[in-house]
């Protein structure tokens, strides 16, 4: 096994052994929040998406459990807005986080 393969195998085992530690590091690196802050947000939202008020239904292929709610943030200011299910998070992304596009979509649906 070469050096790269050994490193990948070690990282995979580490992620399995310390999921909370890895999740906390990932959240801090990506969004500037700790796992504790994520969990506080999740509790404040009663474990559901901030937009549709539903729990996540998408299943993680590795764990066979529902995925964690996504951390939604402003791509310009990096400010965390809340936790969203994959559908709502992707919906906002597909509208490029543009309120004008969302308003036009609402008008379209109401016509």
N, C-alpha and C. Protein backbone atom coordinates (compact mmCIF):
# COMPACT_ATOMS: atom_id res chain seq x y z
N UNK A 1 0.86 -1.18 0.00
CA UNK A 1 0.00 0.00 0.00
C UNK A 1 0.90 1.24 0.00
N UNK A 2 0.65 2.16 -0.94
CA UNK A 2 1.48 3.36 -1.02
C UNK A 2 1.08 4.37 0.07
N UNK A 3 1.84 5.43 0.18
CA UNK A 3 1.66 6.43 1.22
C UNK A 3 0.27 7.09 1.15
N UNK A 4 -0.17 7.40 -0.07
CA UNK A 4 -1.46 8.05 -0.27
C UNK A 4 -2.61 7.14 0.17
N UNK A 5 -2.54 5.88 -0.18
CA UNK A 5 -3.58 4.91 0.19
C UNK A 5 -3.60 4.69 1.70
N UNK A 6 -2.42 4.66 2.33
CA UNK A 6 -2.36 4.51 3.79
C UNK A 6 -3.01 5.71 4.48
N UNK A 7 -2.72 6.91 3.98
CA UNK A 7 -3.30 8.12 4.56
C UNK A 7 -4.82 8.12 4.41
N UNK A 8 -5.31 7.71 3.26
CA UNK A 8 -6.75 7.65 3.02
C UNK A 8 -7.42 6.63 3.94
N UNK A 9 -6.78 5.48 4.11
CA UNK A 9 -7.32 4.44 4.99
C UNK A 9 -7.35 4.92 6.43
N UNK A 10 -6.28 5.60 6.86
CA UNK A 10 -6.22 6.13 8.22
C UNK A 10 -7.32 7.16 8.43
N UNK A 11 -7.48 8.06 7.46
CA UNK A 11 -8.49 9.10 7.59
C UNK A 11 -9.90 8.49 7.66
N UNK A 12 -10.16 7.47 6.87
CA UNK A 12 -11.46 6.81 6.89
C UNK A 12 -11.73 6.20 8.26
N UNK A 13 -10.74 5.52 8.81
CA UNK A 13 -10.89 4.91 10.14
C UNK A 13 -11.08 5.97 11.21
N UNK A 14 -10.32 7.07 11.11
CA UNK A 14 -10.43 8.16 12.08
C UNK A 14 -11.84 8.75 12.06
N UNK A 15 -12.38 8.98 10.85
CA UNK A 15 -13.72 9.56 10.71
C UNK A 15 -14.78 8.62 11.31
N UNK A 16 -14.59 7.32 11.16
CA UNK A 16 -15.53 6.35 11.73
C UNK A 16 -15.42 6.30 13.26
N UNK A 17 -14.19 6.40 13.76
CA UNK A 17 -13.95 6.29 15.20
C UNK A 17 -14.36 7.56 15.97
N UNK A 18 -14.18 8.72 15.35
CA UNK A 18 -14.44 10.00 16.02
C UNK A 18 -15.40 10.89 15.21
N UNK A 19 -16.62 10.44 14.96
CA UNK A 19 -17.52 11.22 14.10
C UNK A 19 -17.85 12.62 14.63
N UNK A 20 -18.03 12.75 15.94
CA UNK A 20 -18.36 14.07 16.50
C UNK A 20 -17.18 15.03 16.40
N UNK A 21 -16.00 14.54 16.62
CA UNK A 21 -14.79 15.37 16.52
C UNK A 21 -14.62 15.86 15.08
N UNK A 22 -14.82 14.94 14.15
CA UNK A 22 -14.68 15.28 12.72
C UNK A 22 -15.77 16.27 12.32
N UNK A 23 -17.00 16.01 12.75
CA UNK A 23 -18.12 16.91 12.41
C UNK A 23 -17.87 18.31 12.96
N UNK A 24 -17.38 18.39 14.20
CA UNK A 24 -17.10 19.68 14.81
C UNK A 24 -16.02 20.43 14.03
N UNK A 25 -14.98 19.73 13.64
CA UNK A 25 -13.90 20.35 12.85
C UNK A 25 -14.43 20.82 11.50
N UNK A 26 -15.23 20.00 10.85
CA UNK A 26 -15.80 20.36 9.55
C UNK A 26 -16.71 21.59 9.65
N UNK A 27 -17.55 21.63 10.69
CA UNK A 27 -18.44 22.77 10.87
C UNK A 27 -17.66 24.06 11.13
N UNK A 28 -16.63 23.95 11.96
CA UNK A 28 -15.81 25.13 12.28
C UNK A 28 -15.10 25.63 11.03
N UNK A 29 -14.55 24.71 10.27
CA UNK A 29 -13.80 25.08 9.07
C UNK A 29 -14.71 25.66 7.99
N UNK A 30 -15.88 25.06 7.78
CA UNK A 30 -16.78 25.48 6.70
C UNK A 30 -17.67 26.67 7.05
N UNK A 31 -18.14 26.73 8.31
CA UNK A 31 -19.15 27.73 8.65
C UNK A 31 -18.81 28.58 9.87
N UNK A 32 -17.71 28.28 10.54
CA UNK A 32 -17.31 29.06 11.71
C UNK A 32 -18.15 28.79 12.94
N UNK A 33 -18.81 27.61 12.98
CA UNK A 33 -19.61 27.26 14.17
C UNK A 33 -19.12 25.93 14.74
N UNK A 34 -19.40 25.73 16.02
CA UNK A 34 -19.01 24.48 16.67
C UNK A 34 -20.17 23.48 16.57
N UNK A 35 -19.88 22.24 16.89
CA UNK A 35 -20.92 21.22 16.93
C UNK A 35 -21.96 21.59 17.99
N UNK A 36 -21.52 22.17 19.08
CA UNK A 36 -22.45 22.59 20.13
C UNK A 36 -23.41 23.66 19.61
N UNK A 37 -22.87 24.62 18.84
CA UNK A 37 -23.72 25.66 18.26
C UNK A 37 -24.71 25.05 17.26
N UNK A 38 -24.25 24.11 16.45
CA UNK A 38 -25.13 23.41 15.50
C UNK A 38 -26.25 22.74 16.28
N UNK A 39 -25.89 22.01 17.33
CA UNK A 39 -26.90 21.29 18.12
C UNK A 39 -27.88 22.24 18.80
N UNK A 40 -27.41 23.41 19.23
CA UNK A 40 -28.31 24.42 19.81
C UNK A 40 -29.31 24.92 18.76
N UNK A 41 -28.82 25.16 17.55
CA UNK A 41 -29.70 25.59 16.46
C UNK A 41 -30.73 24.50 16.16
N UNK A 42 -30.26 23.27 16.11
CA UNK A 42 -31.13 22.13 15.83
C UNK A 42 -32.23 22.03 16.89
N UNK A 43 -31.86 22.20 18.15
CA UNK A 43 -32.83 22.14 19.24
C UNK A 43 -33.82 23.29 19.15
N UNK A 44 -33.32 24.50 18.86
CA UNK A 44 -34.18 25.67 18.74
C UNK A 44 -35.19 25.51 17.60
N UNK A 45 -34.78 24.78 16.54
CA UNK A 45 -35.66 24.52 15.39
C UNK A 45 -36.46 23.23 15.56
N UNK A 46 -36.40 22.63 16.75
CA UNK A 46 -37.11 21.38 17.05
C UNK A 46 -36.73 20.25 16.10
N UNK A 47 -35.49 20.27 15.59
CA UNK A 47 -34.99 19.19 14.76
C UNK A 47 -35.53 19.18 13.34
N UNK A 48 -36.14 20.29 12.92
CA UNK A 48 -36.74 20.34 11.58
C UNK A 48 -36.17 21.51 10.78
N UNK A 49 -36.41 21.45 9.48
CA UNK A 49 -35.97 22.48 8.54
C UNK A 49 -36.63 23.82 8.87
N UNK A 50 -35.85 24.88 8.79
CA UNK A 50 -36.36 26.21 9.10
C UNK A 50 -37.41 26.68 8.08
N UNK A 51 -37.38 26.17 6.87
CA UNK A 51 -38.33 26.60 5.85
C UNK A 51 -39.58 25.73 5.83
N UNK A 52 -39.43 24.44 5.60
CA UNK A 52 -40.61 23.57 5.43
C UNK A 52 -41.09 22.91 6.72
N UNK A 53 -40.33 23.08 7.78
CA UNK A 53 -40.69 22.54 9.11
C UNK A 53 -40.79 21.03 9.15
N UNK A 54 -40.04 20.36 8.26
CA UNK A 54 -40.01 18.89 8.21
C UNK A 54 -38.62 18.39 8.59
N UNK A 55 -38.54 17.18 9.12
CA UNK A 55 -37.22 16.60 9.36
C UNK A 55 -36.57 16.20 8.04
N UNK A 56 -35.28 16.00 8.05
CA UNK A 56 -34.58 15.54 6.84
C UNK A 56 -35.06 14.14 6.50
N UNK A 57 -35.31 13.90 5.22
CA UNK A 57 -35.76 12.59 4.77
C UNK A 57 -34.72 11.89 3.90
N UNK A 58 -33.72 12.62 3.44
CA UNK A 58 -32.69 12.02 2.59
C UNK A 58 -31.80 11.12 3.46
N UNK A 59 -31.59 9.90 3.01
CA UNK A 59 -30.82 8.92 3.76
C UNK A 59 -29.35 8.96 3.32
N UNK A 60 -28.46 8.99 4.30
CA UNK A 60 -27.02 8.94 4.05
C UNK A 60 -26.66 7.52 3.64
N UNK A 61 -25.99 7.37 2.52
CA UNK A 61 -25.64 6.03 2.00
C UNK A 61 -24.71 5.27 2.93
N UNK A 62 -23.84 6.00 3.65
CA UNK A 62 -22.88 5.32 4.53
C UNK A 62 -23.52 4.82 5.81
N UNK A 63 -24.32 5.68 6.44
CA UNK A 63 -24.87 5.34 7.75
C UNK A 63 -26.26 4.71 7.69
N UNK A 64 -26.92 4.85 6.54
CA UNK A 64 -28.31 4.38 6.36
C UNK A 64 -29.28 5.10 7.30
N UNK A 65 -28.88 6.27 7.77
CA UNK A 65 -29.70 7.12 8.65
C UNK A 65 -30.01 8.42 7.90
N UNK A 66 -31.04 9.15 8.34
CA UNK A 66 -31.29 10.46 7.72
C UNK A 66 -30.05 11.36 7.87
N UNK A 67 -29.78 12.13 6.82
CA UNK A 67 -28.65 13.05 6.86
C UNK A 67 -28.90 14.15 7.89
N UNK A 68 -27.85 14.83 8.28
CA UNK A 68 -27.98 16.00 9.14
C UNK A 68 -28.57 17.14 8.32
N UNK A 69 -29.32 18.02 8.97
CA UNK A 69 -29.79 19.21 8.28
C UNK A 69 -28.58 20.04 7.85
N UNK A 70 -28.69 20.66 6.69
CA UNK A 70 -27.60 21.46 6.13
C UNK A 70 -27.53 22.82 6.83
N UNK A 71 -26.32 23.32 6.98
CA UNK A 71 -26.12 24.66 7.52
C UNK A 71 -26.28 25.64 6.36
N UNK A 72 -27.34 26.46 6.41
CA UNK A 72 -27.56 27.46 5.37
C UNK A 72 -26.85 28.74 5.77
N UNK A 73 -26.17 29.34 4.80
CA UNK A 73 -25.42 30.57 5.08
C UNK A 73 -25.42 31.47 3.86
N UNK A 74 -25.21 32.75 4.11
CA UNK A 74 -25.08 33.72 3.03
C UNK A 74 -23.69 33.56 2.43
N UNK A 75 -23.61 33.35 1.13
CA UNK A 75 -22.32 33.14 0.49
C UNK A 75 -21.50 34.43 0.41
N UNK A 76 -22.15 35.58 0.56
CA UNK A 76 -21.44 36.86 0.53
C UNK A 76 -20.88 37.21 1.90
N UNK A 77 -21.75 37.20 2.92
CA UNK A 77 -21.32 37.60 4.27
C UNK A 77 -20.82 36.44 5.12
N UNK A 78 -21.11 35.21 4.68
CA UNK A 78 -20.78 33.98 5.42
C UNK A 78 -21.61 33.80 6.68
N UNK A 79 -22.61 34.67 6.91
CA UNK A 79 -23.45 34.57 8.10
C UNK A 79 -24.35 33.34 8.00
N UNK A 80 -24.36 32.55 9.08
CA UNK A 80 -25.22 31.36 9.15
C UNK A 80 -26.65 31.83 9.40
N UNK A 81 -27.59 31.31 8.57
CA UNK A 81 -28.99 31.71 8.68
C UNK A 81 -29.83 30.69 9.42
N UNK A 82 -29.53 29.42 9.27
CA UNK A 82 -30.32 28.38 9.91
C UNK A 82 -29.98 27.03 9.32
N UNK A 83 -30.76 26.03 9.71
CA UNK A 83 -30.56 24.66 9.24
C UNK A 83 -31.71 24.29 8.32
N UNK A 84 -31.36 23.71 7.17
CA UNK A 84 -32.35 23.36 6.16
C UNK A 84 -32.24 21.91 5.74
N UNK A 85 -33.38 21.35 5.32
CA UNK A 85 -33.35 20.01 4.72
C UNK A 85 -32.69 20.14 3.35
N UNK A 86 -32.30 19.02 2.78
CA UNK A 86 -31.61 19.05 1.50
C UNK A 86 -32.48 19.69 0.41
N UNK A 87 -33.76 19.38 0.39
CA UNK A 87 -34.64 19.93 -0.65
C UNK A 87 -34.70 21.45 -0.59
N UNK A 88 -34.91 22.00 0.58
CA UNK A 88 -34.99 23.45 0.72
C UNK A 88 -33.63 24.10 0.46
N UNK A 89 -32.58 23.49 0.95
CA UNK A 89 -31.24 24.04 0.73
C UNK A 89 -30.90 24.07 -0.76
N UNK A 90 -31.19 22.99 -1.47
CA UNK A 90 -30.93 22.94 -2.90
C UNK A 90 -31.85 23.90 -3.65
N UNK A 91 -33.08 24.04 -3.17
CA UNK A 91 -34.01 24.98 -3.80
C UNK A 91 -33.46 26.40 -3.76
N UNK A 92 -32.99 26.82 -2.59
CA UNK A 92 -32.40 28.15 -2.48
C UNK A 92 -31.18 28.27 -3.40
N UNK A 93 -30.38 27.23 -3.42
CA UNK A 93 -29.19 27.24 -4.27
C UNK A 93 -29.55 27.33 -5.74
N UNK A 94 -30.60 26.63 -6.14
CA UNK A 94 -31.02 26.67 -7.54
C UNK A 94 -31.53 28.05 -7.94
N UNK A 95 -32.06 28.80 -6.97
CA UNK A 95 -32.47 30.18 -7.23
C UNK A 95 -31.33 31.16 -6.94
N UNK A 96 -30.14 30.61 -6.72
CA UNK A 96 -28.92 31.37 -6.49
C UNK A 96 -29.06 32.37 -5.33
N UNK A 97 -29.84 31.97 -4.32
CA UNK A 97 -30.07 32.80 -3.12
C UNK A 97 -30.56 34.20 -3.49
N UNK A 98 -31.25 34.32 -4.61
CA UNK A 98 -31.70 35.63 -5.10
C UNK A 98 -33.18 35.82 -4.76
N UNK A 99 -33.49 36.76 -3.84
CA UNK A 99 -34.89 36.99 -3.45
C UNK A 99 -35.78 37.38 -4.63
N UNK A 100 -35.23 38.10 -5.61
CA UNK A 100 -36.03 38.48 -6.79
C UNK A 100 -36.49 37.24 -7.55
N UNK A 101 -35.58 36.29 -7.75
CA UNK A 101 -35.95 35.06 -8.45
C UNK A 101 -37.01 34.28 -7.67
N UNK A 102 -36.85 34.24 -6.34
CA UNK A 102 -37.83 33.54 -5.51
C UNK A 102 -39.19 34.22 -5.57
N UNK A 103 -39.20 35.55 -5.56
CA UNK A 103 -40.46 36.29 -5.65
C UNK A 103 -41.13 36.03 -7.00
N UNK A 104 -40.34 36.00 -8.06
CA UNK A 104 -40.89 35.71 -9.39
C UNK A 104 -41.46 34.28 -9.44
N UNK A 105 -40.78 33.36 -8.79
CA UNK A 105 -41.27 31.97 -8.74
C UNK A 105 -42.60 31.92 -7.98
N UNK A 106 -42.71 32.65 -6.89
CA UNK A 106 -43.96 32.70 -6.12
C UNK A 106 -45.08 33.27 -6.99
N UNK A 107 -44.80 34.38 -7.67
CA UNK A 107 -45.81 34.98 -8.56
C UNK A 107 -46.23 33.99 -9.64
N UNK A 108 -45.28 33.30 -10.18
CA UNK A 108 -45.56 32.30 -11.22
C UNK A 108 -46.49 31.21 -10.69
N UNK A 109 -46.20 30.72 -9.49
CA UNK A 109 -47.04 29.67 -8.89
C UNK A 109 -48.43 30.15 -8.55
N UNK A 110 -48.56 31.42 -8.20
CA UNK A 110 -49.86 31.97 -7.81
C UNK A 110 -50.75 32.32 -9.01
N UNK A 111 -50.16 32.43 -10.19
CA UNK A 111 -50.96 32.76 -11.39
C UNK A 111 -51.73 31.57 -11.88
